[in-house]
């Protein structure tokens, strides 16, 4: 019933050889799709951090009250 899941080929050794052959690059830049995924991650991370800092600033300092 779940033979397709249990009988998968062992791809660990070829993947290990691939990553160890590219030892001159940082680990997070080794994967072939890292050129596509990392800029998206950096953009999203920067946006979320900027929003968090802006929100924290607004909570601490708030808007100045008008003198009436």
PDB file of N, CA and C in Angstrom:
ATOM      1  N   UNK A   1       0.826  -1.185   0.000  1.00  0.00           N
ATOM      2  CA  UNK A   1       0.000   0.000   0.000  1.00  0.00           C
ATOM      3  C   UNK A   1       0.876   1.257   0.000  1.00  0.00           C
ATOM      4  N   UNK A   2       1.907   1.293   0.819  1.00  0.00           N
ATOM      5  CA  UNK A   2       2.790   2.459   0.815  1.00  0.00           C
ATOM      6  C   UNK A   2       4.187   2.094   0.311  1.00  0.00           C
ATOM      7  N   UNK A   3       4.249   1.113  -0.563  1.00  0.00           N
ATOM      8  CA  UNK A   3       5.530   0.693  -1.125  1.00  0.00           C
ATOM      9  C   UNK A   3       6.236   1.830  -1.854  1.00  0.00           C
ATOM     10  N   UNK A   4       5.491   2.681  -2.524  1.00  0.00           N
ATOM     11  CA  UNK A   4       6.089   3.793  -3.259  1.00  0.00           C
ATOM     12  C   UNK A   4       6.850   4.724  -2.308  1.00  0.00           C
ATOM     13  N   UNK A   5       6.438   4.789  -1.067  1.00  0.00           N
ATOM     14  CA  UNK A   5       7.110   5.638  -0.092  1.00  0.00           C
ATOM     15  C   UNK A   5       8.290   4.922   0.561  1.00  0.00           C
ATOM     16  N   UNK A   6       8.149   3.638   0.783  1.00  0.00           N
ATOM     17  CA  UNK A   6       9.185   2.879   1.479  1.00  0.00           C
ATOM     18  C   UNK A   6      10.329   2.519   0.536  1.00  0.00           C
ATOM     19  N   UNK A   7      10.051   2.272  -0.717  1.00  0.00           N
ATOM     20  CA  UNK A   7      11.045   1.794  -1.674  1.00  0.00           C
ATOM     21  C   UNK A   7      11.673   2.919  -2.494  1.00  0.00           C
ATOM     22  N   UNK A   8      11.872   4.080  -1.917  1.00  0.00           N
ATOM     23  CA  UNK A   8      12.495   5.186  -2.638  1.00  0.00           C
ATOM     24  C   UNK A   8      13.998   4.943  -2.777  1.00  0.00           C
ATOM     25  N   UNK A   9      14.601   5.421  -3.872  1.00  0.00           N
ATOM     26  CA  UNK A   9      16.048   5.241  -4.023  1.00  0.00           C
ATOM     27  C   UNK A   9      16.807   6.111  -3.019  1.00  0.00           C
ATOM     28  N   UNK A  10      17.980   5.658  -2.646  1.00  0.00           N
ATOM     29  CA  UNK A  10      18.817   6.384  -1.701  1.00  0.00           C
ATOM     30  C   UNK A  10      19.660   7.400  -2.471  1.00  0.00           C
ATOM     31  N   UNK A  11      19.325   8.676  -2.354  1.00  0.00           N
ATOM     32  CA  UNK A  11      20.036   9.734  -3.077  1.00  0.00           C
ATOM     33  C   UNK A  11      20.997  10.506  -2.186  1.00  0.00           C
ATOM     34  N   UNK A  12      21.275  10.015  -1.015  1.00  0.00           N
ATOM     35  CA  UNK A  12      22.092  10.768  -0.070  1.00  0.00           C
ATOM     36  C   UNK A  12      23.535  10.892  -0.545  1.00  0.00           C
ATOM     37  N   UNK A  13      24.116   9.816  -1.027  1.00  0.00           N
ATOM     38  CA  UNK A  13      25.529   9.838  -1.419  1.00  0.00           C
ATOM     39  C   UNK A  13      25.771  10.785  -2.595  1.00  0.00           C
ATOM     40  N   UNK A  14      24.981  10.749  -3.684  1.00  0.00           N
ATOM     41  CA  UNK A  14      25.219  11.721  -4.764  1.00  0.00           C
ATOM     42  C   UNK A  14      25.030  13.168  -4.313  1.00  0.00           C
ATOM     43  N   UNK A  15      24.043  13.417  -3.470  1.00  0.00           N
ATOM     44  CA  UNK A  15      23.834  14.786  -2.982  1.00  0.00           C
ATOM     45  C   UNK A  15      24.984  15.226  -2.087  1.00  0.00           C
ATOM     46  N   UNK A  16      25.486  14.313  -1.264  1.00  0.00           N
ATOM     47  CA  UNK A  16      26.612  14.636  -0.399  1.00  0.00           C
ATOM     48  C   UNK A  16      27.847  14.958  -1.239  1.00  0.00           C
ATOM     49  N   UNK A  17      28.092  14.197  -2.300  1.00  0.00           N
ATOM     50  CA  UNK A  17      29.228  14.467  -3.178  1.00  0.00           C
ATOM     51  C   UNK A  17      29.076  15.819  -3.865  1.00  0.00           C
ATOM     52  N   UNK A  18      27.850  16.161  -4.278  1.00  0.00           N
ATOM     53  CA  UNK A  18      27.606  17.445  -4.938  1.00  0.00           C
ATOM     54  C   UNK A  18      27.919  18.608  -4.001  1.00  0.00           C
ATOM     55  N   UNK A  19      27.415  18.538  -2.785  1.00  0.00           N
ATOM     56  CA  UNK A  19      27.621  19.635  -1.845  1.00  0.00           C
ATOM     57  C   UNK A  19      29.070  19.719  -1.366  1.00  0.00           C
ATOM     58  N   UNK A  20      29.745  18.590  -1.228  1.00  0.00           N
ATOM     59  CA  UNK A  20      31.138  18.621  -0.799  1.00  0.00           C
ATOM     60  C   UNK A  20      32.066  19.062  -1.924  1.00  0.00           C
ATOM     61  N   UNK A  21      31.668  18.842  -3.183  1.00  0.00           N
ATOM     62  CA  UNK A  21      32.481  19.290  -4.309  1.00  0.00           C
ATOM     63  C   UNK A  21      32.436  20.807  -4.436  1.00  0.00           C
ATOM     64  N   UNK A  22      31.350  21.423  -3.980  1.00  0.00           N
ATOM     65  CA  UNK A  22      31.208  22.876  -4.036  1.00  0.00           C
ATOM     66  C   UNK A  22      31.584  23.507  -2.700  1.00  0.00           C
ATOM     67  N   UNK A  23      32.677  23.041  -2.107  1.00  0.00           N
ATOM     68  CA  UNK A  23      33.073  23.524  -0.782  1.00  0.00           C
ATOM     69  C   UNK A  23      33.599  24.956  -0.824  1.00  0.00           C
ATOM     70  N   UNK A  24      33.916  25.473  -2.014  1.00  0.00           N
ATOM     71  CA  UNK A  24      34.430  26.838  -2.114  1.00  0.00           C
ATOM     72  C   UNK A  24      33.322  27.883  -1.958  1.00  0.00           C
ATOM     73  N   UNK A  25      32.070  27.448  -2.020  1.00  0.00           N
ATOM     74  CA  UNK A  25      30.939  28.366  -1.852  1.00  0.00           C
ATOM     75  C   UNK A  25      30.317  28.152  -0.477  1.00  0.00           C
ATOM     76  N   UNK A  26      29.703  29.198   0.075  1.00  0.00           N
ATOM     77  CA  UNK A  26      28.979  28.996   1.334  1.00  0.00           C
ATOM     78  C   UNK A  26      27.846  27.992   1.140  1.00  0.00           C
ATOM     79  N   UNK A  27      27.513  27.282   2.192  1.00  0.00           N
ATOM     80  CA  UNK A  27      26.527  26.206   2.103  1.00  0.00           C
ATOM     81  C   UNK A  27      25.180  26.707   1.591  1.00  0.00           C
ATOM     82  N   UNK A  28      24.765  27.890   2.021  1.00  0.00           N
ATOM     83  CA  UNK A  28      23.450  28.382   1.627  1.00  0.00           C
ATOM     84  C   UNK A  28      23.418  28.863   0.184  1.00  0.00           C
ATOM     85  N   UNK A  29      24.578  28.992  -0.475  1.00  0.00           N
ATOM     86  CA  UNK A  29      24.626  29.391  -1.878  1.00  0.00           C
ATOM     87  C   UNK A  29      24.909  28.213  -2.805  1.00  0.00           C
ATOM     88  N   UNK A  30      25.038  27.011  -2.283  1.00  0.00           N
ATOM     89  CA  UNK A  30      25.447  25.854  -3.077  1.00  0.00           C
ATOM     90  C   UNK A  30      24.324  25.317  -3.945  1.00  0.00           C
ATOM     91  N   UNK A  31      23.112  25.322  -3.450  1.00  0.00           N
ATOM     92  CA  UNK A  31      21.991  24.722  -4.173  1.00  0.00           C
ATOM     93  C   UNK A  31      21.749  25.460  -5.492  1.00  0.00           C
ATOM     94  N   UNK A  32      21.385  24.749  -6.565  1.00  0.00           N
ATOM     95  CA  UNK A  32      21.171  25.397  -7.861  1.00  0.00           C
ATOM     96  C   UNK A  32      20.072  26.459  -7.844  1.00  0.00           C
ATOM     97  N   UNK A  33      19.066  26.300  -7.004  1.00  0.00           N
ATOM     98  CA  UNK A  33      17.975  27.273  -6.963  1.00  0.00           C
ATOM     99  C   UNK A  33      18.224  28.413  -5.988  1.00  0.00           C
ATOM    100  N   UNK A  34      19.381  28.449  -5.369  1.00  0.00           N
ATOM    101  CA  UNK A  34      19.631  29.485  -4.367  1.00  0.00           C
ATOM    102  C   UNK A  34      19.660  30.878  -4.987  1.00  0.00           C
ATOM    103  N   UNK A  35      20.022  30.986  -6.252  1.00  0.00           N
ATOM    104  CA  UNK A  35      20.017  32.286  -6.922  1.00  0.00           C
ATOM    105  C   UNK A  35      18.626  32.859  -7.085  1.00  0.00           C
ATOM    106  N   UNK A  36      17.618  32.011  -7.076  1.00  0.00           N
ATOM    107  CA  UNK A  36      16.228  32.459  -7.191  1.00  0.00           C
ATOM    108  C   UNK A  36      15.609  32.637  -5.810  1.00  0.00           C
ATOM    109  N   UNK A  37      15.857  31.695  -4.920  1.00  0.00           N
ATOM    110  CA  UNK A  37      15.187  31.701  -3.624  1.00  0.00           C
ATOM    111  C   UNK A  37      15.768  32.710  -2.645  1.00  0.00           C
ATOM    112  N   UNK A  38      17.087  32.891  -2.631  1.00  0.00           N
ATOM    113  CA  UNK A  38      17.691  33.778  -1.647  1.00  0.00           C
ATOM    114  C   UNK A  38      17.297  35.244  -1.822  1.00  0.00           C
ATOM    115  N   UNK A  39      17.279  35.812  -3.029  1.00  0.00           N
ATOM    116  CA  UNK A  39      16.823  37.205  -3.136  1.00  0.00           C
ATOM    117  C   UNK A  39      15.374  37.396  -2.682  1.00  0.00           C
ATOM    118  N   UNK A  40      14.515  36.421  -2.963  1.00  0.00           N
ATOM    119  CA  UNK A  40      13.134  36.526  -2.480  1.00  0.00           C
ATOM    120  C   UNK A  40      13.103  36.484  -0.963  1.00  0.00           C
ATOM    121  N   UNK A  41      13.894  35.602  -0.366  1.00  0.00           N
ATOM    122  CA  UNK A  41      13.953  35.513   1.097  1.00  0.00           C
ATOM    123  C   UNK A  41      14.483  36.811   1.692  1.00  0.00           C
ATOM    124  N   UNK A  42      15.562  37.350   1.121  1.00  0.00           N
ATOM    125  CA  UNK A  42      16.139  38.589   1.645  1.00  0.00           C
ATOM    126  C   UNK A  42      15.151  39.743   1.538  1.00  0.00           C
ATOM    127  N   UNK A  43      14.412  39.823   0.434  1.00  0.00           N
ATOM    128  CA  UNK A  43      13.423  40.885   0.264  1.00  0.00           C
ATOM    129  C   UNK A  43      12.313  40.758   1.289  1.00  0.00           C
ATOM    130  N   UNK A  44      11.787  39.568   1.453  1.00  0.00           N
ATOM    131  CA  UNK A  44      10.719  39.347   2.426  1.00  0.00           C
ATOM    132  C   UNK A  44      11.214  39.618   3.845  1.00  0.00           C
ATOM    133  N   UNK A  45      12.404  39.147   4.171  1.00  0.00           N
ATOM    134  CA  UNK A  45      12.968  39.363   5.505  1.00  0.00           C
ATOM    135  C   UNK A  45      13.166  40.853   5.777  1.00  0.00           C
ATOM    136  N   UNK A  46      13.684  41.593   4.801  1.00  0.00           N
ATOM    137  CA  UNK A  46      13.897  43.029   4.971  1.00  0.00           C
ATOM    138  C   UNK A  46      12.580  43.753   5.168  1.00  0.00           C
ATOM    139  N   UNK A  47      11.556  43.391   4.389  1.00  0.00           N
ATOM    140  CA  UNK A  47      10.246  44.025   4.541  1.00  0.00           C
ATOM    141  C   UNK A  47       9.620  43.755   5.897  1.00  0.00           C
ATOM    142  N   UNK A  48       9.709  42.524   6.347  1.00  0.00           N
ATOM    143  CA  UNK A  48       9.126  42.171   7.650  1.00  0.00           C
ATOM    144  C   UNK A  48       9.878  42.872   8.778  1.00  0.00           C
ATOM    145  N   UNK A  49      11.193  42.919   8.692  1.00  0.00           N
ATOM    146  CA  UNK A  49      11.964  43.598   9.738  1.00  0.00           C
ATOM    147  C   UNK A  49      11.694  45.096   9.741  1.00  0.00           C
ATOM    148  N   UNK A  50      11.580  45.708   8.570  1.00  0.00           N
ATOM    149  CA  UNK A  50      11.277  47.142   8.506  1.00  0.00           C
ATOM    150  C   UNK A  50       9.898  47.418   9.096  1.00  0.00           C
ATOM    151  N   UNK A  51       8.927  46.575   8.784  1.00  0.00           N
ATOM    152  CA  UNK A  51       7.593  46.736   9.357  1.00  0.00           C
ATOM    153  C   UNK A  51       7.592  46.561  10.862  1.00  0.00           C
ATOM    154  N   UNK A  52       8.373  45.625  11.364  1.00  0.00           N
ATOM    155  CA  UNK A  52       8.455  45.407  12.810  1.00  0.00           C
ATOM    156  C   UNK A  52       9.100  46.595  13.515  1.00  0.00           C
ATOM    157  N   UNK A  53      10.163  47.120  12.930  1.00  0.00           N
ATOM    158  CA  UNK A  53      10.826  48.284  13.532  1.00  0.00           C
ATOM    159  C   UNK A  53       9.899  49.492  13.496  1.00  0.00           C
ATOM    160  N   UNK A  54       9.209  49.696  12.397  1.00  0.00           N
ATOM    161  CA  UNK A  54       8.261  50.810  12.298  1.00  0.00           C
ATOM    162  C   UNK A  54       7.148  50.661  13.329  1.00  0.00           C
ATOM    163  N   UNK A  55       6.599  49.468  13.467  1.00  0.00           N
ATOM    164  CA  UNK A  55       5.541  49.233  14.443  1.00  0.00           C
ATOM    165  C   UNK A  55       6.022  49.438  15.865  1.00  0.00           C
ATOM    166  N   UNK A  56       7.221  48.973  16.174  1.00  0.00           N
ATOM    167  CA  UNK A  56       7.771  49.170  17.520  1.00  0.00           C
ATOM    168  C   UNK A  56       8.011  50.651  17.790  1.00  0.00           C
ATOM    169  N   UNK A  57       8.498  51.371  16.798  1.00  0.00           N
ATOM    170  CA  UNK A  57       8.711  52.815  16.952  1.00  0.00           C
ATOM    171  C   UNK A  57       7.387  53.524  17.214  1.00  0.00           C
ATOM    172  N   UNK A  58       6.346  53.151  16.478  1.00  0.00           N
ATOM    173  CA  UNK A  58       5.037  53.774  16.680  1.00  0.00           C
ATOM    174  C   UNK A  58       4.475  53.443  18.056  1.00  0.00           C
ATOM    175  N   UNK A  59       4.715  52.238  18.548  1.00  0.00           N
ATOM    176  CA  UNK A  59       4.237  51.879  19.884  1.00  0.00           C
ATOM    177  C   UNK A  59       4.965  52.657  20.979  1.00  0.00           C
ATOM    178  N   UNK A  60       6.262  52.857  20.803  1.00  0.00           N
ATOM    179  CA  UNK A  60       7.040  53.532  21.840  1.00  0.00           C
ATOM    180  C   UNK A  60       6.799  55.038  21.821  1.00  0.00           C
ATOM    181  N   UNK A  61       6.886  55.655  20.655  1.00  0.00           N
ATOM    182  CA  UNK A  61       6.813  57.108  20.582  1.00  0.00           C
ATOM    183  C   UNK A  61       5.430  57.615  20.198  1.00  0.00           C
ATOM    184  N   UNK A  62       4.696  56.856  19.415  1.00  0.00           N
ATOM    185  CA  UNK A  62       3.346  57.243  19.027  1.00  0.00           C
ATOM    186  C   UNK A  62       3.320  58.529  18.220  1.00  0.00           C
ATOM    187  N   UNK A  63       2.100  59.034  17.994  1.00  0.00           N
ATOM    188  CA  UNK A  63       1.935  60.288  17.279  1.00  0.00           C
ATOM    189  C   UNK A  63       1.953  61.426  18.297  1.00  0.00           C
ATOM    190  N   UNK A  64       2.527  62.554  17.927  1.00  0.00           N
ATOM    191  CA  UNK A  64       2.490  63.682  18.858  1.00  0.00           C
ATOM    192  C   UNK A  64       1.056  64.191  19.021  1.00  0.00           C
ATOM    193  N   UNK A  65       0.702  64.514  20.250  1.00  0.00           N
ATOM    194  CA  UNK A  65      -0.655  65.003  20.511  1.00  0.00           C
ATOM    195  C   UNK A  65      -0.754  66.468  20.123  1.00  0.00           C
ATOM    196  N   UNK A  66      -1.908  66.827  19.587  1.00  0.00           N
ATOM    197  CA  UNK A  66      -2.132  68.220  19.207  1.00  0.00           C
ATOM    198  C   UNK A  66      -2.453  69.041  20.446  1.00  0.00           C
ATOM    199  N   UNK A  67      -1.912  70.240  20.487  1.00  0.00           N
ATOM    200  CA  UNK A  67      -2.230  71.146  21.601  1.00  0.00           C
ATOM    201  C   UNK A  67      -3.576  71.796  21.311  1.00  0.00           C
ATOM    202  N   UNK A  68      -4.519  71.660  22.228  1.00  0.00           N
ATOM    203  CA  UNK A  68      -5.833  72.248  21.976  1.00  0.00           C
ATOM    204  C   UNK A  68      -6.101  73.444  22.844  1.00  0.00           C
TER     205      UNK A  68
END
